[in-house]
N, C-alpha and C. Protein backbone atom coordinates (compact mmCIF):
# COMPACT_ATOMS: atom_id res chain seq x y z
N LEU A 1 22.38 9.37 -51.17
CA LEU A 1 23.26 8.33 -49.97
C LEU A 1 22.95 9.43 -48.56
N LEU A 2 22.59 9.10 -47.41
CA LEU A 2 23.50 9.43 -46.44
C LEU A 2 24.35 9.04 -45.32
N VAL A 3 25.22 8.98 -44.76
CA VAL A 3 26.01 7.80 -43.52
C VAL A 3 26.44 9.19 -42.70
N THR A 4 25.56 7.86 -41.65
CA THR A 4 26.24 8.95 -40.32
C THR A 4 26.42 7.61 -39.69
N SER A 5 26.78 8.08 -38.01
CA SER A 5 26.79 7.28 -37.09
C SER A 5 25.10 6.00 -37.01
N ALA A 6 25.66 5.40 -36.86
CA ALA A 6 24.44 3.86 -36.18
C ALA A 6 23.36 4.63 -35.80
N ARG A 7 24.29 5.15 -34.27
CA ARG A 7 22.87 5.61 -32.92
C ARG A 7 22.19 7.11 -33.92
N HIS A 8 22.76 8.02 -34.67
CA HIS A 8 22.46 8.73 -34.39
C HIS A 8 21.43 8.95 -36.30
N MET A 9 20.92 7.56 -36.83
CA MET A 9 20.73 7.16 -38.20
C MET A 9 19.35 7.48 -38.05
N PRO A 10 18.52 7.46 -37.08
CA PRO A 10 17.05 7.79 -37.01
C PRO A 10 16.62 8.64 -37.26
N ARG A 11 17.32 10.13 -36.09
CA ARG A 11 17.13 11.08 -35.81
C ARG A 11 17.43 11.81 -37.65
N SER A 12 18.28 11.86 -37.88
CA SER A 12 18.57 12.26 -38.93
C SER A 12 18.16 11.54 -40.69
N VAL A 13 17.27 10.29 -40.84
CA VAL A 13 16.37 10.03 -41.22
C VAL A 13 15.15 11.01 -41.19
N GLY A 14 14.82 11.21 -40.66
CA GLY A 14 13.71 12.22 -40.24
C GLY A 14 13.39 13.56 -40.67
N CYS A 15 15.06 14.79 -40.38
CA CYS A 15 15.12 15.13 -40.65
C CYS A 15 14.86 15.57 -42.41
N PHE A 16 15.61 14.92 -42.04
CA PHE A 16 15.84 14.84 -43.93
C PHE A 16 14.07 14.52 -44.90
N ARG A 17 14.33 13.34 -44.38
CA ARG A 17 12.83 13.45 -45.24
C ARG A 17 12.04 14.73 -44.56
N LYS A 18 12.09 14.74 -43.72
CA LYS A 18 10.93 16.30 -43.20
C LYS A 18 10.73 17.12 -44.37
N ALA A 19 12.81 17.45 -44.90
CA ALA A 19 13.02 18.43 -45.76
C ALA A 19 12.87 18.34 -47.27
N GLY A 20 12.03 16.78 -47.21
CA GLY A 20 11.85 17.01 -48.72
C GLY A 20 12.83 15.76 -49.99
N TRP A 21 13.79 15.16 -48.35
CA TRP A 21 15.05 14.18 -49.53
C TRP A 21 14.39 13.75 -49.53
N THR A 22 14.39 12.00 -50.59
CA THR A 22 15.15 10.65 -50.16
C THR A 22 16.29 10.43 -50.20
N VAL A 23 15.88 9.56 -49.05
CA VAL A 23 17.12 9.14 -48.53
C VAL A 23 17.19 7.85 -48.81
N VAL A 24 18.60 7.48 -48.85
CA VAL A 24 19.28 6.30 -49.07
C VAL A 24 20.05 5.98 -47.07
N PRO A 25 19.27 5.58 -46.21
CA PRO A 25 20.50 5.28 -45.00
C PRO A 25 21.35 4.40 -45.04
N TRP A 26 23.16 5.16 -44.23
CA TRP A 26 23.72 4.09 -44.83
C TRP A 26 24.90 4.16 -43.48
N PRO A 27 24.15 3.47 -42.27
CA PRO A 27 24.71 3.49 -41.83
C PRO A 27 26.36 2.71 -41.14
N VAL A 28 27.25 3.87 -40.35
CA VAL A 28 27.79 3.44 -40.07
C VAL A 28 28.88 3.24 -38.95
N ASP A 29 30.02 3.30 -38.09
CA ASP A 29 30.24 3.40 -36.54
C ASP A 29 28.82 2.98 -35.78
N TYR A 30 29.42 0.96 -35.48
CA TYR A 30 28.06 0.37 -34.99
C TYR A 30 28.70 0.48 -33.39
N GLU A 31 28.30 0.27 -32.26
CA GLU A 31 28.95 0.12 -31.38
C GLU A 31 28.93 -1.09 -30.75
N THR A 32 28.36 -1.55 -31.47
CA THR A 32 27.96 -3.88 -30.99
C THR A 32 29.50 -4.24 -31.85
N THR A 33 28.59 -5.78 -31.51
CA THR A 33 29.94 -6.33 -31.59
C THR A 33 28.74 -7.35 -32.86
N PRO A 34 29.16 -7.68 -33.88
CA PRO A 34 28.35 -9.09 -34.77
C PRO A 34 27.81 -10.24 -34.30
N THR A 35 28.67 -10.82 -33.58
CA THR A 35 27.97 -12.14 -32.11
C THR A 35 28.42 -12.00 -30.83
N LEU A 36 27.05 -12.26 -30.47
CA LEU A 36 26.58 -12.27 -28.72
C LEU A 36 27.09 -12.43 -27.86
N ILE A 37 28.34 -11.63 -26.59
CA ILE A 37 29.68 -11.83 -26.36
C ILE A 37 29.09 -11.94 -24.91
N PHE A 38 28.99 -12.65 -23.64
CA PHE A 38 28.58 -12.89 -22.20
C PHE A 38 29.82 -12.48 -21.95
N ASP A 39 29.28 -11.69 -20.40
CA ASP A 39 30.64 -11.03 -19.74
C ASP A 39 29.97 -11.06 -18.61
N ILE A 40 30.29 -11.13 -17.51
CA ILE A 40 29.71 -11.14 -16.45
C ILE A 40 30.33 -10.16 -15.54
N ALA A 41 31.20 -8.94 -15.66
CA ALA A 41 31.85 -8.02 -15.61
C ALA A 41 30.79 -7.00 -15.63
N VAL A 42 31.32 -5.99 -14.17
CA VAL A 42 30.46 -5.67 -13.72
C VAL A 42 30.94 -3.68 -14.01
N ASP A 43 30.42 -2.74 -14.73
CA ASP A 43 31.02 -2.29 -14.56
C ASP A 43 30.17 -1.28 -14.78
N MET A 44 29.55 -0.47 -13.15
CA MET A 44 28.41 0.49 -13.83
C MET A 44 28.97 1.75 -14.19
N LEU A 45 29.55 2.76 -13.91
CA LEU A 45 30.32 4.03 -15.13
C LEU A 45 30.18 3.31 -16.72
N GLY A 46 30.72 2.35 -17.00
CA GLY A 46 30.42 2.08 -18.44
C GLY A 46 29.00 2.07 -18.72
N ASN A 47 28.16 1.29 -18.15
CA ASN A 47 27.26 1.12 -17.75
C ASN A 47 25.62 2.19 -18.51
N LEU A 48 26.64 3.41 -17.24
CA LEU A 48 25.47 4.39 -16.67
C LEU A 48 25.27 5.44 -17.95
N GLN A 49 27.32 4.97 -18.90
CA GLN A 49 27.09 6.25 -19.81
C GLN A 49 26.27 5.75 -21.08
N ASP A 50 26.02 4.48 -21.52
CA ASP A 50 25.56 3.73 -22.27
C ASP A 50 24.19 4.21 -22.68
N LEU A 51 23.59 3.92 -21.17
CA LEU A 51 22.82 4.43 -20.80
C LEU A 51 21.97 6.32 -20.77
N ASN A 52 22.68 7.08 -20.71
CA ASN A 52 23.11 8.51 -20.49
C ASN A 52 22.66 8.74 -22.87
N ASP A 53 23.96 7.50 -23.52
CA ASP A 53 23.61 6.73 -24.68
C ASP A 53 22.67 7.35 -25.27
N ALA A 54 21.56 6.23 -24.76
CA ALA A 54 20.42 5.94 -25.44
C ALA A 54 19.18 6.59 -25.08
N ALA A 55 19.21 6.81 -23.76
CA ALA A 55 18.47 8.20 -23.26
C ALA A 55 18.59 9.49 -24.18
N HIS A 56 20.02 9.74 -24.16
CA HIS A 56 19.88 10.85 -24.95
C HIS A 56 19.63 11.28 -26.92
N GLU A 57 19.30 9.49 -27.61
CA GLU A 57 19.08 9.26 -28.91
C GLU A 57 17.00 9.16 -28.82
N TRP A 58 17.15 8.51 -27.52
CA TRP A 58 15.13 8.51 -27.47
C TRP A 58 14.55 9.40 -27.46
N VAL A 59 15.06 10.61 -26.37
CA VAL A 59 14.79 11.73 -25.98
C VAL A 59 14.76 13.14 -27.32
N GLY A 60 15.75 12.58 -27.80
CA GLY A 60 16.84 13.21 -28.73
C GLY A 60 14.99 13.12 -30.01
N LEU A 61 14.96 12.74 -30.12
CA LEU A 61 13.55 11.32 -31.01
C LEU A 61 12.41 11.93 -31.45
N PHE A 62 11.94 11.99 -29.96
CA PHE A 62 10.85 12.52 -29.34
C PHE A 62 10.90 14.14 -29.86
N ALA A 63 10.98 14.18 -29.18
CA ALA A 63 11.95 16.46 -28.61
C ALA A 63 11.88 16.34 -30.41
N TYR A 64 12.28 16.06 -31.22
CA TYR A 64 12.46 16.32 -33.37
C TYR A 64 11.66 16.40 -33.53
N TRP A 65 10.43 15.11 -33.51
CA TRP A 65 8.85 14.74 -33.52
C TRP A 65 8.28 16.32 -33.16
N LEU A 66 8.17 16.04 -31.67
CA LEU A 66 7.26 17.16 -31.39
C LEU A 66 7.72 19.46 -31.89
N LEU A 67 9.02 19.23 -31.93
CA LEU A 67 8.79 20.23 -32.95
C LEU A 67 8.68 20.83 -33.68
N GLY A 68 8.81 20.03 -34.82
CA GLY A 68 8.28 19.36 -36.09
C GLY A 68 9.76 19.02 -37.25
N TYR A 69 10.58 19.07 -36.96
CA TYR A 69 11.71 18.76 -37.46
C TYR A 69 11.83 16.81 -37.75
N SER A 70 11.30 16.16 -37.41
CA SER A 70 11.16 14.75 -38.10
C SER A 70 9.88 14.20 -38.45
N ASP A 71 10.01 14.11 -39.24
CA ASP A 71 8.36 13.59 -39.57
C ASP A 71 7.77 12.39 -39.04
N ALA A 72 7.84 11.72 -38.45
CA ALA A 72 7.31 10.39 -37.48
C ALA A 72 9.12 10.43 -35.64
N PRO A 73 7.62 9.81 -34.99
CA PRO A 73 8.55 9.86 -33.73
C PRO A 73 10.27 8.75 -33.57
N TYR A 74 9.96 7.47 -34.83
CA TYR A 74 10.49 7.04 -34.90
C TYR A 74 10.70 6.02 -36.49
N PRO A 75 11.67 7.70 -36.89
CA PRO A 75 11.68 7.09 -38.25
C PRO A 75 11.37 5.11 -38.57
N ALA A 76 11.07 4.72 -39.60
CA ALA A 76 10.93 3.06 -40.35
C ALA A 76 12.11 3.66 -41.64
N PRO A 77 13.04 2.85 -41.41
CA PRO A 77 14.11 2.35 -42.82
C PRO A 77 13.26 2.53 -44.10
């Protein structure tokens, strides 16, 4: 059972699979809501932070794959 933040789950799954482990992903700490909320607020700093977080994970996924730490660029569930 692999328990980690939902944001880090794809990278973690790829690393564990590359190491030869069979994992059952159990994501926690979601940063989204279960329902769609439409909000007109303009939060430039918050939006830039969200973009930075997403870019960090996508670059990390690709880099781990290129360096051989992960079994796929985006490991499937």
